C-alpha atoms as a PDB file:
ATOM      1  CA  MET A   1      98.888  -3.146 -61.971  1.00  0.00           C
ATOM      2  CA  GLU A   2      96.140  -5.566 -62.908  1.00  0.00           C
ATOM      3  CA  LYS A   3      94.092  -4.841 -66.021  1.00  0.00           C
ATOM      4  CA  ILE A   4      90.430  -5.714 -65.684  1.00  0.00           C
ATOM      5  CA  LYS A   5      88.432  -6.246 -68.868  1.00  0.00           C
ATOM      6  CA  VAL A   6      85.043  -4.567 -69.113  1.00  0.00           C
ATOM      7  CA  ILE A   7      82.840  -5.838 -71.948  1.00  0.00           C
ATOM      8  CA  VAL A   8      80.976  -2.974 -73.650  1.00  0.00           C
ATOM      9  CA  GLU A   9      77.919  -3.326 -75.856  1.00  0.00           C
ATOM     10  CA  LEU A  10      75.730  -0.706 -77.451  1.00  0.00           C
ATOM     11  CA  ALA A  11      72.037  -0.967 -76.760  1.00  0.00           C
ATOM     12  CA  ALA A  12      69.348   0.987 -78.595  1.00  0.00           C
ATOM     13  CA  ASN A  13      69.735   4.118 -76.466  1.00  0.00           C
ATOM     14  CA  ASN A  14      72.820   3.641 -74.310  1.00  0.00           C
ATOM     15  CA  TYR A  15      75.990   1.760 -73.507  1.00  0.00           C
ATOM     16  CA  ALA A  16      75.903  -1.351 -71.328  1.00  0.00           C
ATOM     17  CA  ALA A  17      78.857  -3.096 -69.728  1.00  0.00           C
ATOM     18  CA  TYR A  18      79.773  -5.971 -67.448  1.00  0.00           C
ATOM     19  CA  ILE A  19      82.848  -7.597 -65.938  1.00  0.00           C
ATOM     20  CA  GLU A  20      83.155 -11.359 -66.322  1.00  0.00           C
ATOM     21  CA  LEU A  21      85.337 -11.588 -63.190  1.00  0.00           C
ATOM     22  CA  LEU A  22      82.575 -10.008 -61.090  1.00  0.00           C
ATOM     23  CA  PRO A  23      79.279 -11.728 -61.931  1.00  0.00           C
ATOM     24  CA  GLY A  24      76.424  -9.302 -61.423  1.00  0.00           C
ATOM     25  CA  CYS A  25      78.618  -6.215 -61.739  1.00  0.00           C
ATOM     26  CA  VAL A  26      76.947  -4.320 -64.573  1.00  0.00           C
ATOM     27  CA  SER A  27      76.389  -0.729 -65.542  1.00  0.00           C
ATOM     28  CA  THR A  28      74.946   1.499 -68.245  1.00  0.00           C
ATOM     29  CA  GLY A  29      75.424   5.053 -69.434  1.00  0.00           C
ATOM     30  CA  ASP A  30      74.031   7.442 -72.000  1.00  0.00           C
ATOM     31  CA  THR A  31      77.592   8.172 -73.188  1.00  0.00           C
ATOM     32  CA  PHE A  32      80.789   6.163 -73.066  1.00  0.00           C
ATOM     33  CA  GLU A  33      82.228   8.658 -70.588  1.00  0.00           C
ATOM     34  CA  GLN A  34      79.205   8.232 -68.328  1.00  0.00           C
ATOM     35  CA  LEU A  35      79.457   4.458 -68.665  1.00  0.00           C
ATOM     36  CA  GLN A  36      83.107   4.559 -67.553  1.00  0.00           C
ATOM     37  CA  GLN A  37      82.246   6.528 -64.408  1.00  0.00           C
ATOM     38  CA  ASN A  38      79.203   4.384 -63.680  1.00  0.00           C
ATOM     39  CA  MET A  39      81.253   1.193 -64.101  1.00  0.00           C
ATOM     40  CA  LYS A  40      83.949   2.488 -61.763  1.00  0.00           C
ATOM     41  CA  ASP A  41      81.245   3.225 -59.175  1.00  0.00           C
ATOM     42  CA  ALA A  42      79.608  -0.180 -59.764  1.00  0.00           C
ATOM     43  CA  VAL A  43      82.909  -2.010 -59.193  1.00  0.00           C
ATOM     44  CA  GLU A  44      83.578  -0.101 -55.968  1.00  0.00           C
ATOM     45  CA  PHE A  45      80.057  -0.822 -54.722  1.00  0.00           C
ATOM     46  CA  HIS A  46      80.264  -4.489 -55.761  1.00  0.00           C
ATOM     47  CA  LEU A  47      83.600  -4.968 -53.968  1.00  0.00           C
ATOM     48  CA  GLU A  48      82.427  -3.117 -50.871  1.00  0.00           C
ATOM     49  CA  THR A  49      79.256  -5.203 -50.691  1.00  0.00           C
ATOM     50  CA  SER A  50      81.164  -8.440 -51.342  1.00  0.00           C
ATOM     51  CA  ARG A  51      83.575  -7.661 -48.499  1.00  0.00           C
ATOM     52  CA  GLU A  52      80.685  -6.772 -46.197  1.00  0.00           C
ATOM     53  CA  PHE A  53      78.971 -10.112 -46.837  1.00  0.00           C
ATOM     54  CA  GLY A  54      82.188 -12.153 -46.860  1.00  0.00           C
ATOM     55  CA  ASP A  55      81.886 -13.118 -50.520  1.00  0.00           C
ATOM     56  CA  ASP A  56      84.947 -14.233 -52.427  1.00  0.00           C
ATOM     57  CA  ILE A  57      86.679 -11.482 -54.390  1.00  0.00           C
ATOM     58  CA  PRO A  58      88.916 -12.329 -57.364  1.00  0.00           C
ATOM     59  CA  GLU A  59      92.560 -11.771 -56.434  1.00  0.00           C
ATOM     60  CA  GLN A  60      92.977  -9.220 -59.254  1.00  0.00           C
ATOM     61  CA  PHE A  61      90.954  -6.785 -57.134  1.00  0.00           C
ATOM     62  CA  ASN A  62      93.196  -7.157 -54.068  1.00  0.00           C
ATOM     63  CA  THR A  63      95.880  -4.986 -55.652  1.00  0.00           C
ATOM     64  CA  ASP A  64      95.968  -1.885 -57.839  1.00  0.00           C
ATOM     65  CA  TYR A  65      93.890  -2.386 -60.951  1.00  0.00           C
ATOM     66  CA  GLU A  66      92.649  -0.436 -63.911  1.00  0.00           C
ATOM     67  CA  LEU A  67      89.652  -1.043 -66.099  1.00  0.00           C
ATOM     68  CA  PHE A  68      90.012  -1.400 -69.852  1.00  0.00           C
ATOM     69  CA  TYR A  69      87.075  -1.521 -72.197  1.00  0.00           C
ATOM     70  CA  LYS A  70      86.553  -4.164 -74.857  1.00  0.00           C
ATOM     71  CA  PHE A  71      84.037  -3.345 -77.569  1.00  0.00           C
ATOM     72  CA  ASP A  72      82.686  -5.855 -80.036  1.00  0.00           C
ATOM     73  CA  PRO A  73      83.462  -4.675 -83.611  1.00  0.00           C
ATOM     74  CA  GLU A  74      79.875  -3.614 -84.326  1.00  0.00           C
ATOM     75  CA  SER A  75      79.673  -1.449 -81.186  1.00  0.00           C
ATOM     76  CA  LEU A  76      83.121   0.051 -81.759  1.00  0.00           C
ATOM     77  CA  LEU A  77      82.345   1.068 -85.333  1.00  0.00           C
ATOM     78  CA  VAL A  78      79.012   2.572 -84.297  1.00  0.00           C
ATOM     79  CA  HIS A  79      80.631   4.358 -81.326  1.00  0.00           C
ATOM     80  CA  TYR A  80      83.203   6.068 -83.556  1.00  0.00           C
ATOM     81  CA  LYS A  81      80.814   6.683 -86.472  1.00  0.00           C
ATOM     82  CA  GLY A  82      80.572  10.403 -85.670  1.00  0.00           C
ATOM     83  CA  ILE A  83      84.355  10.684 -85.561  1.00  0.00           C
ATOM     84  CA  PHE A  84      85.504   8.406 -88.375  1.00  0.00           C
ATOM     85  CA  SER A  85      83.811   7.844 -91.698  1.00  0.00           C
ATOM     86  CA  ASN A  86      84.010   4.413 -93.297  1.00  0.00           C
ATOM     87  CA  SER A  87      86.482   5.977 -95.710  1.00  0.00           C
ATOM     88  CA  ALA A  88      88.722   7.045 -92.822  1.00  0.00           C
ATOM     89  CA  PHE A  89      88.470   3.583 -91.250  1.00  0.00           C
ATOM     90  CA  GLU A  90      89.373   2.055 -94.616  1.00  0.00           C
ATOM     91  CA  ARG A  91      92.483   4.241 -94.828  1.00  0.00           C
ATOM     92  CA  ILE A  92      93.777   3.302 -91.395  1.00  0.00           C
ATOM     93  CA  THR A  93      92.753  -0.385 -91.416  1.00  0.00           C
ATOM     94  CA  GLY A  94      93.040  -1.387 -95.056  1.00  0.00           C
ATOM     95  CA  ILE A  95      89.569  -2.965 -94.816  1.00  0.00           C
ATOM     96  CA  ASN A  96      87.085  -2.170 -97.591  1.00  0.00           C
ATOM     97  CA  GLN A  97      84.363   0.358 -96.651  1.00  0.00           C
ATOM     98  CA  ARG A  98      81.542  -1.980 -97.622  1.00  0.00           C
ATOM     99  CA  GLN A  99      82.970  -4.685 -95.401  1.00  0.00           C
ATOM    100  CA  LEU A 100      83.300  -2.208 -92.535  1.00  0.00           C
ATOM    101  CA  GLN A 101      79.651  -1.235 -93.012  1.00  0.00           C
ATOM    102  CA  ARG A 102      78.628  -4.892 -92.830  1.00  0.00           C
ATOM    103  CA  TYR A 103      80.525  -5.165 -89.528  1.00  0.00           C
ATOM    104  CA  ALA A 104      78.907  -1.971 -88.201  1.00  0.00           C
ATOM    105  CA  SER A 105      75.410  -3.159 -89.117  1.00  0.00           C
ATOM    106  CA  GLY A 106      75.983  -6.573 -87.572  1.00  0.00           C
ATOM    107  CA  LYS A 107      75.316  -8.339 -90.886  1.00  0.00           C
ATOM    108  CA  THR A 108      78.693 -10.060 -90.665  1.00  0.00           C
ATOM    109  CA  LYS A 109      81.231 -10.592 -87.918  1.00  0.00           C
ATOM    110  CA  PRO A 110      84.898  -9.917 -88.621  1.00  0.00           C
ATOM    111  CA  LEU A 111      87.346 -12.769 -88.404  1.00  0.00           C
ATOM    112  CA  PRO A 112      89.948 -12.490 -85.636  1.00  0.00           C
ATOM    113  CA  GLU A 113      92.501 -11.177 -88.148  1.00  0.00           C
ATOM    114  CA  GLN A 114      90.161  -8.361 -89.197  1.00  0.00           C
ATOM    115  CA  ARG A 115      89.322  -7.500 -85.567  1.00  0.00           C
ATOM    116  CA  GLN A 116      93.043  -7.274 -84.886  1.00  0.00           C
ATOM    117  CA  LYS A 117      93.531  -4.966 -87.896  1.00  0.00           C
ATOM    118  CA  ILE A 118      90.872  -2.596 -86.548  1.00  0.00           C
ATOM    119  CA  SER A 119      92.324  -2.677 -83.047  1.00  0.00           C
ATOM    120  CA  ASN A 120      95.907  -2.169 -84.263  1.00  0.00           C
ATOM    121  CA  ALA A 121      94.875   0.720 -86.504  1.00  0.00           C
ATOM    122  CA  LEU A 122      93.172   2.565 -83.638  1.00  0.00           C
ATOM    123  CA  HIS A 123      96.058   1.918 -81.240  1.00  0.00           C
ATOM    124  CA  ASN A 124      98.602   3.094 -83.830  1.00  0.00           C
ATOM    125  CA  LEU A 125      96.565   6.236 -84.458  1.00  0.00           C
ATOM    126  CA  GLY A 126      96.338   6.855 -80.705  1.00  0.00           C
ATOM    127  CA  ARG A 127     100.121   6.489 -80.262  1.00  0.00           C
ATOM    128  CA  GLU A 128     100.719   8.846 -83.181  1.00  0.00           C
ATOM    129  CA  LEU A 129      98.313  11.442 -81.778  1.00  0.00           C
ATOM    130  CA  MET A 130     100.035  11.269 -78.383  1.00  0.00           C
ATOM    131  CA  LEU A 131     103.228  12.478 -80.080  1.00  0.00           C
ATOM    132  CA  VAL A 132     101.582  15.526 -81.664  1.00  0.00           C
ATOM    133  CA  GLU A 133     101.617  18.949 -80.052  1.00  0.00           C
ATOM    134  CA  LEU A 134     100.057  22.145 -81.294  1.00  0.00           C
END
């Protein structure tokens, strides 16, 4: 199954996303969940229209595919702000709270190593939570 990257950014009042492989395929949503559904619909519409007009379609879309969402660090930290405090992010990433706040505010951009720490910490937490039953 092909994995298709969707770039997600937070705007002032909503989420916005686009797919680099499909120029012009964009979507927005008030919530991340709404954005995901809207993006799925936008991709289907884009592909349908492209086929109708005989436009080239990237080969990744000629087989089963799934969308995955890539946040920039600032958007990701803001998105999870209501779920994780900076203290909680510090515990799971090992990155100082003040530095995390600078990333969230956009004052500084994390180096690739720091971005990877944040990503790994969230993925590890997700795997751990998948093992838990109540």
